[in-house]
Amino acid sequence: SQVNRMDNSDEDYDGDIVGSREGSRESSTLSLRTTLQTLELNVKVNRFISS
């Protein structure tokens, strides 16, 4: 029964990992999008200043 208990806790743990992985993927996509927008803005500003 001890082995079964360990297996069950492992399953729950895997589920938590998958859930947090999904969440972190969403947040990293958002932050990447924001970073790209900031970079585009910087490029536009730099072109404006240099011209």
N, C-alpha and C. Protein backbone atom coordinates (compact mmCIF):
# COMPACT_ATOMS: atom_id res chain seq x y z
N SER A 1 0.84 -1.20 0.00
CA SER A 1 0.00 0.00 0.00
C SER A 1 0.88 1.26 0.00
N GLN A 2 2.07 1.12 0.57
CA GLN A 2 2.97 2.27 0.61
C GLN A 2 3.40 2.64 -0.82
N VAL A 3 3.66 1.62 -1.63
CA VAL A 3 4.08 1.87 -3.02
C VAL A 3 2.96 2.57 -3.77
N ASN A 4 1.71 2.11 -3.56
CA ASN A 4 0.58 2.74 -4.23
C ASN A 4 0.46 4.21 -3.84
N ARG A 5 0.66 4.48 -2.55
CA ARG A 5 0.56 5.85 -2.06
C ARG A 5 1.60 6.73 -2.78
N MET A 6 2.82 6.18 -2.92
CA MET A 6 3.87 6.93 -3.61
C MET A 6 3.47 7.20 -5.06
N ASP A 7 2.91 6.18 -5.72
CA ASP A 7 2.51 6.34 -7.12
C ASP A 7 1.45 7.43 -7.24
N ASN A 8 0.49 7.42 -6.33
CA ASN A 8 -0.57 8.42 -6.39
C ASN A 8 -0.01 9.83 -6.23
N SER A 9 0.89 10.00 -5.28
CA SER A 9 1.45 11.33 -5.06
C SER A 9 2.27 11.77 -6.27
N ASP A 10 2.92 10.81 -6.92
CA ASP A 10 3.68 11.14 -8.13
C ASP A 10 2.74 11.64 -9.22
N GLU A 11 1.58 10.97 -9.36
CA GLU A 11 0.62 11.39 -10.38
C GLU A 11 0.15 12.82 -10.12
N ASP A 12 -0.19 13.10 -8.86
CA ASP A 12 -0.63 14.45 -8.51
C ASP A 12 0.47 15.46 -8.83
N TYR A 13 1.68 15.09 -8.51
CA TYR A 13 2.83 15.98 -8.72
C TYR A 13 2.99 16.27 -10.22
N ASP A 14 2.88 15.22 -11.04
CA ASP A 14 2.99 15.41 -12.49
C ASP A 14 1.90 16.35 -12.98
N GLY A 15 0.69 16.19 -12.45
CA GLY A 15 -0.40 17.07 -12.85
C GLY A 15 -0.10 18.52 -12.52
N ASP A 16 0.46 18.74 -11.32
CA ASP A 16 0.82 20.11 -10.93
C ASP A 16 1.87 20.68 -11.87
N ILE A 17 2.85 19.86 -12.23
CA ILE A 17 3.93 20.32 -13.11
C ILE A 17 3.34 20.72 -14.46
N VAL A 18 2.46 19.89 -15.01
CA VAL A 18 1.85 20.19 -16.31
C VAL A 18 1.07 21.50 -16.22
N GLY A 19 0.31 21.67 -15.14
CA GLY A 19 -0.47 22.89 -14.97
C GLY A 19 0.39 24.12 -14.90
N SER A 20 1.46 24.06 -14.11
CA SER A 20 2.33 25.23 -13.98
C SER A 20 3.09 25.47 -15.27
N ARG A 21 3.37 24.42 -16.01
CA ARG A 21 4.07 24.57 -17.29
C ARG A 21 3.18 25.34 -18.27
N GLU A 22 1.89 24.99 -18.31
CA GLU A 22 0.96 25.69 -19.19
C GLU A 22 0.91 27.17 -18.82
N GLY A 23 0.79 27.45 -17.53
CA GLY A 23 0.71 28.83 -17.07
C GLY A 23 1.95 29.62 -17.40
N SER A 24 3.11 29.03 -17.18
CA SER A 24 4.36 29.74 -17.44
C SER A 24 4.55 29.95 -18.94
N ARG A 25 4.03 29.03 -19.75
CA ARG A 25 4.14 29.20 -21.20
C ARG A 25 3.34 30.42 -21.63
N GLU A 26 2.13 30.57 -21.08
CA GLU A 26 1.30 31.72 -21.42
C GLU A 26 1.98 33.02 -21.01
N SER A 27 2.49 33.07 -19.78
CA SER A 27 3.10 34.31 -19.28
C SER A 27 4.38 34.63 -20.04
N SER A 28 5.14 33.60 -20.43
CA SER A 28 6.37 33.87 -21.19
C SER A 28 6.04 34.38 -22.58
N THR A 29 4.94 33.87 -23.18
CA THR A 29 4.51 34.37 -24.49
C THR A 29 4.11 35.83 -24.38
N LEU A 30 3.39 36.17 -23.31
CA LEU A 30 2.98 37.56 -23.10
C LEU A 30 4.18 38.46 -22.93
N SER A 31 5.12 38.07 -22.09
CA SER A 31 6.29 38.91 -21.84
C SER A 31 7.14 39.03 -23.09
N LEU A 32 7.21 37.98 -23.89
CA LEU A 32 7.96 38.03 -25.15
C LEU A 32 7.32 39.03 -26.10
N ARG A 33 5.99 39.01 -26.17
CA ARG A 33 5.27 39.94 -27.03
C ARG A 33 5.53 41.38 -26.59
N THR A 34 5.49 41.60 -25.28
CA THR A 34 5.74 42.94 -24.74
C THR A 34 7.16 43.38 -25.05
N THR A 35 8.12 42.46 -24.92
CA THR A 35 9.52 42.79 -25.20
C THR A 35 9.69 43.16 -26.66
N LEU A 36 9.04 42.42 -27.56
CA LEU A 36 9.13 42.72 -28.99
C LEU A 36 8.56 44.10 -29.29
N GLN A 37 7.41 44.43 -28.69
CA GLN A 37 6.81 45.75 -28.90
C GLN A 37 7.74 46.84 -28.41
N THR A 38 8.37 46.63 -27.26
CA THR A 38 9.31 47.62 -26.71
C THR A 38 10.50 47.80 -27.64
N LEU A 39 11.01 46.69 -28.18
CA LEU A 39 12.15 46.76 -29.10
C LEU A 39 11.76 47.53 -30.36
N GLU A 40 10.58 47.26 -30.92
CA GLU A 40 10.12 47.98 -32.11
C GLU A 40 10.04 49.47 -31.83
N LEU A 41 9.50 49.82 -30.66
CA LEU A 41 9.37 51.22 -30.28
C LEU A 41 10.75 51.87 -30.18
N ASN A 42 11.70 51.17 -29.56
CA ASN A 42 13.06 51.71 -29.43
C ASN A 42 13.68 51.96 -30.80
N VAL A 43 13.47 51.02 -31.74
CA VAL A 43 14.02 51.17 -33.09
C VAL A 43 13.42 52.40 -33.76
N LYS A 44 12.10 52.59 -33.63
CA LYS A 44 11.44 53.75 -34.24
C LYS A 44 11.98 55.04 -33.64
N VAL A 45 12.12 55.07 -32.33
CA VAL A 45 12.63 56.27 -31.66
C VAL A 45 14.06 56.56 -32.10
N ASN A 46 14.89 55.52 -32.18
CA ASN A 46 16.28 55.71 -32.59
C ASN A 46 16.36 56.23 -34.03
N ARG A 47 15.51 55.72 -34.92
CA ARG A 47 15.50 56.19 -36.30
C ARG A 47 15.10 57.66 -36.33
N PHE A 48 14.10 57.99 -35.53
CA PHE A 48 13.60 59.37 -35.49
C PHE A 48 14.70 60.31 -35.00
N ILE A 49 15.43 59.87 -33.97
CA ILE A 49 16.49 60.71 -33.40
C ILE A 49 17.64 60.87 -34.40
N SER A 50 18.01 59.79 -35.07
CA SER A 50 19.18 59.83 -35.97
C SER A 50 18.87 60.55 -37.27
N SER A 51 17.61 60.63 -37.67
CA SER A 51 17.27 61.25 -38.95
C SER A 51 17.26 62.76 -38.88
